[in-house]
Structures are given as C-alpha cells and as structure tokens.
Amino acid sequence: MIDLFIFKLQLLNMLYKQGIDFNKKHIVDFFIAIPDQGNGEKIIGRLQELGLNCELDYNEEFEDWTCTCSKEMFLIYEDIVEMQKELNKLGEEFGGYTDGWGAFV
C-alpha cells in the first residue's frame, strides 16, 4: 500500500513539474472498467445523477468497455482517492472497477 501511495504522490509531483496550477480546479477523468454495454449504460445513468459528465466506450482491440467520467476539482490527493473509492463502490454494483484517473496538462 505504501508503494501505491508513493507512486500517486510522484504522479502529482510530475504534474506540478509540467506546469499544473494546483491553485485552480482541473477536469479530472476517472475510468471505470465495465463488463458489458448494458451495465455501462446503467452506471452512466447513476453517475449522471451525481452530476458527473460521462461517456461509455468500447475498445475493439481489447474487447472491453470503459466508462469515463469527468469532474472539475482541485488536484488534492485525498480528494482524488476518495472519488476513486466512491466510483469503485458504484462500479462493483455493476460488475466493474475503477481503472485509474488522469488530468490534461
């Protein structure tokens, strides 16, 4: 667990070095791997009720579904982790799991 913590802190440090302004909000994308289109459409409905912008994509190469949801937020480690936990809990209801996050520089 400590290695994951260090990795995520290093990731935020990398964003800082690339010029991210941590004093303003950024669009953060969270990814949820979903087993099929039907469950993907259901989870998108739930996520939109929570005010998140979402889209469902199918990757033909890997034959898998991913729900990408975006939220404007400050890049605070604890907030990102908390959001991932909430999304993972919701994802599990539909047979999915969180599969990372990203922010554009």
C-alpha atoms as a PDB file:
ATOM      1  CA  MET A   1       0.000   0.000   0.000  1.00  0.00           C
ATOM      2  CA  ILE A   2       2.843   2.393   0.784  1.00  0.00           C
ATOM      3  CA  ASP A   3       4.286   1.887  -2.719  1.00  0.00           C
ATOM      4  CA  LEU A   4       0.962   2.916  -4.272  1.00  0.00           C
ATOM      5  CA  PHE A   5       0.843   5.987  -2.022  1.00  0.00           C
ATOM      6  CA  ILE A   6       4.364   6.979  -3.093  1.00  0.00           C
ATOM      7  CA  PHE A   7       3.501   6.392  -6.755  1.00  0.00           C
ATOM      8  CA  LYS A   8       0.460   8.651  -6.577  1.00  0.00           C
ATOM      9  CA  LEU A   9       2.426  11.377  -4.828  1.00  0.00           C
ATOM     10  CA  GLN A  10       5.096  11.083  -7.522  1.00  0.00           C
ATOM     11  CA  LEU A  11       2.375  11.412 -10.150  1.00  0.00           C
ATOM     12  CA  LEU A  12       1.111  14.651  -8.598  1.00  0.00           C
ATOM     13  CA  ASN A  13       4.710  15.878  -8.360  1.00  0.00           C
ATOM     14  CA  MET A  14       5.177  15.110 -12.071  1.00  0.00           C
ATOM     15  CA  LEU A  15       2.055  17.150 -12.888  1.00  0.00           C
ATOM     16  CA  TYR A  16       3.440  20.024 -10.816  1.00  0.00           C
ATOM     17  CA  LYS A  17       6.729  19.912 -12.738  1.00  0.00           C
ATOM     18  CA  GLN A  18       4.788  20.007 -16.026  1.00  0.00           C
ATOM     19  CA  GLY A  19       3.193  23.274 -15.006  1.00  0.00           C
ATOM     20  CA  ILE A  20      -0.138  22.282 -13.463  1.00  0.00           C
ATOM     21  CA  ASP A  21      -1.514  25.070 -11.292  1.00  0.00           C
ATOM     22  CA  PHE A  22      -2.728  23.376  -8.118  1.00  0.00           C
ATOM     23  CA  ASN A  23      -4.484  26.576  -7.037  1.00  0.00           C
ATOM     24  CA  LYS A  24      -7.225  26.152  -9.624  1.00  0.00           C
ATOM     25  CA  LYS A  25      -9.677  23.398 -10.462  1.00  0.00           C
ATOM     26  CA  HIS A  26      -8.973  21.000 -13.308  1.00  0.00           C
ATOM     27  CA  ILE A  27     -11.032  18.486 -15.226  1.00  0.00           C
ATOM     28  CA  VAL A  28     -10.126  15.067 -13.843  1.00  0.00           C
ATOM     29  CA  ASP A  29     -11.145  11.968 -15.779  1.00  0.00           C
ATOM     30  CA  PHE A  30     -11.862   8.777 -13.861  1.00  0.00           C
ATOM     31  CA  PHE A  31     -12.047   5.442 -15.657  1.00  0.00           C
ATOM     32  CA  ILE A  32     -14.298   2.539 -14.697  1.00  0.00           C
ATOM     33  CA  ALA A  33     -13.882  -0.828 -16.425  1.00  0.00           C
ATOM     34  CA  ILE A  34     -17.326  -2.329 -17.093  1.00  0.00           C
ATOM     35  CA  PRO A  35     -18.108  -5.910 -18.228  1.00  0.00           C
ATOM     36  CA  ASP A  36     -20.671  -5.056 -20.924  1.00  0.00           C
ATOM     37  CA  GLN A  37     -22.675  -2.317 -22.615  1.00  0.00           C
ATOM     38  CA  GLY A  38     -25.846  -2.902 -20.584  1.00  0.00           C
ATOM     39  CA  ASN A  39     -24.095  -2.413 -17.255  1.00  0.00           C
ATOM     40  CA  GLY A  40     -22.196   0.510 -18.746  1.00  0.00           C
ATOM     41  CA  GLU A  41     -25.404   2.306 -19.653  1.00  0.00           C
ATOM     42  CA  LYS A  42     -26.801   1.665 -16.167  1.00  0.00           C
ATOM     43  CA  ILE A  43     -23.743   3.032 -14.390  1.00  0.00           C
ATOM     44  CA  ILE A  44     -23.694   6.111 -16.637  1.00  0.00           C
ATOM     45  CA  GLY A  45     -27.255   6.866 -15.558  1.00  0.00           C
ATOM     46  CA  ARG A  46     -26.248   6.678 -11.907  1.00  0.00           C
ATOM     47  CA  LEU A  47     -23.129   8.779 -12.435  1.00  0.00           C
ATOM     48  CA  GLN A  48     -25.054  11.472 -14.293  1.00  0.00           C
ATOM     49  CA  GLU A  49     -27.485  11.648 -11.360  1.00  0.00           C
ATOM     50  CA  LEU A  50     -24.419  12.538  -9.265  1.00  0.00           C
ATOM     51  CA  GLY A  51     -23.625  15.406 -11.639  1.00  0.00           C
ATOM     52  CA  LEU A  52     -20.709  13.781 -13.467  1.00  0.00           C
ATOM     53  CA  ASN A  53     -20.114  14.049 -17.207  1.00  0.00           C
ATOM     54  CA  CYS A  54     -19.810  10.515 -18.566  1.00  0.00           C
ATOM     55  CA  GLU A  55     -19.337   8.533 -21.723  1.00  0.00           C
ATOM     56  CA  LEU A  56     -19.141   4.829 -22.488  1.00  0.00           C
ATOM     57  CA  ASP A  57     -16.541   3.498 -24.912  1.00  0.00           C
ATOM     58  CA  TYR A  58     -15.884   0.070 -26.385  1.00  0.00           C
ATOM     59  CA  ASN A  59     -12.299  -0.874 -27.228  1.00  0.00           C
ATOM     60  CA  GLU A  60     -12.389  -3.309 -30.135  1.00  0.00           C
ATOM     61  CA  GLU A  61      -8.733  -4.289 -29.725  1.00  0.00           C
ATOM     62  CA  PHE A  62      -9.152  -5.389 -26.100  1.00  0.00           C
ATOM     63  CA  GLU A  63     -12.884  -6.111 -26.365  1.00  0.00           C
ATOM     64  CA  ASP A  64     -13.739  -4.230 -23.192  1.00  0.00           C
ATOM     65  CA  TRP A  65     -15.974  -1.381 -22.053  1.00  0.00           C
ATOM     66  CA  THR A  66     -14.830   1.703 -20.177  1.00  0.00           C
ATOM     67  CA  CYS A  67     -16.926   4.400 -18.596  1.00  0.00           C
ATOM     68  CA  THR A  68     -15.060   7.699 -18.463  1.00  0.00           C
ATOM     69  CA  CYS A  69     -16.468  10.270 -16.080  1.00  0.00           C
ATOM     70  CA  SER A  70     -15.174  13.774 -15.562  1.00  0.00           C
ATOM     71  CA  LYS A  71     -15.285  16.081 -12.599  1.00  0.00           C
ATOM     72  CA  GLU A  72     -13.921  19.577 -12.120  1.00  0.00           C
ATOM     73  CA  MET A  73     -11.909  19.548  -8.917  1.00  0.00           C
ATOM     74  CA  PHE A  74      -8.703  20.605  -7.225  1.00  0.00           C
ATOM     75  CA  LEU A  75      -5.851  18.123  -7.608  1.00  0.00           C
ATOM     76  CA  ILE A  76      -5.750  17.109  -3.964  1.00  0.00           C
ATOM     77  CA  TYR A  77      -4.522  13.570  -3.378  1.00  0.00           C
ATOM     78  CA  GLU A  78      -7.059  12.729  -0.674  1.00  0.00           C
ATOM     79  CA  ASP A  79      -9.965  14.035  -2.772  1.00  0.00           C
ATOM     80  CA  ILE A  80      -8.880  12.014  -5.799  1.00  0.00           C
ATOM     81  CA  VAL A  81      -8.536   8.854  -3.693  1.00  0.00           C
ATOM     82  CA  GLU A  82     -11.946   9.431  -2.103  1.00  0.00           C
ATOM     83  CA  MET A  83     -13.543   9.898  -5.520  1.00  0.00           C
ATOM     84  CA  GLN A  84     -11.926   6.690  -6.760  1.00  0.00           C
ATOM     85  CA  LYS A  85     -13.274   4.813  -3.728  1.00  0.00           C
ATOM     86  CA  GLU A  86     -16.797   6.115  -4.357  1.00  0.00           C
ATOM     87  CA  LEU A  87     -16.607   5.219  -8.044  1.00  0.00           C
ATOM     88  CA  ASN A  88     -15.194   1.774  -7.281  1.00  0.00           C
ATOM     89  CA  LYS A  89     -18.038   1.067  -4.866  1.00  0.00           C
ATOM     90  CA  LEU A  90     -20.559   2.097  -7.512  1.00  0.00           C
ATOM     91  CA  GLY A  91     -18.670   0.197 -10.215  1.00  0.00           C
ATOM     92  CA  GLU A  92     -18.790  -3.009  -8.181  1.00  0.00           C
ATOM     93  CA  GLU A  93     -22.594  -2.851  -8.217  1.00  0.00           C
ATOM     94  CA  PHE A  94     -22.386  -3.304 -11.997  1.00  0.00           C
ATOM     95  CA  GLY A  95     -19.503  -5.797 -12.105  1.00  0.00           C
ATOM     96  CA  GLY A  96     -16.875  -3.133 -12.732  1.00  0.00           C
ATOM     97  CA  TYR A  97     -13.968  -1.449 -11.002  1.00  0.00           C
ATOM     98  CA  THR A  98     -12.064   1.831 -11.159  1.00  0.00           C
ATOM     99  CA  ASP A  99      -9.167   1.740 -13.567  1.00  0.00           C
ATOM    100  CA  GLY A 100      -7.275   4.955 -12.878  1.00  0.00           C
ATOM    101  CA  TRP A 101      -7.603   8.673 -13.411  1.00  0.00           C
ATOM    102  CA  GLY A 102      -5.982  11.413 -15.442  1.00  0.00           C
ATOM    103  CA  ALA A 103      -5.808  15.162 -15.897  1.00  0.00           C
ATOM    104  CA  PHE A 104      -4.698  17.030 -19.011  1.00  0.00           C
ATOM    105  CA  VAL A 105      -1.731  19.346 -18.684  1.00  0.00           C
END
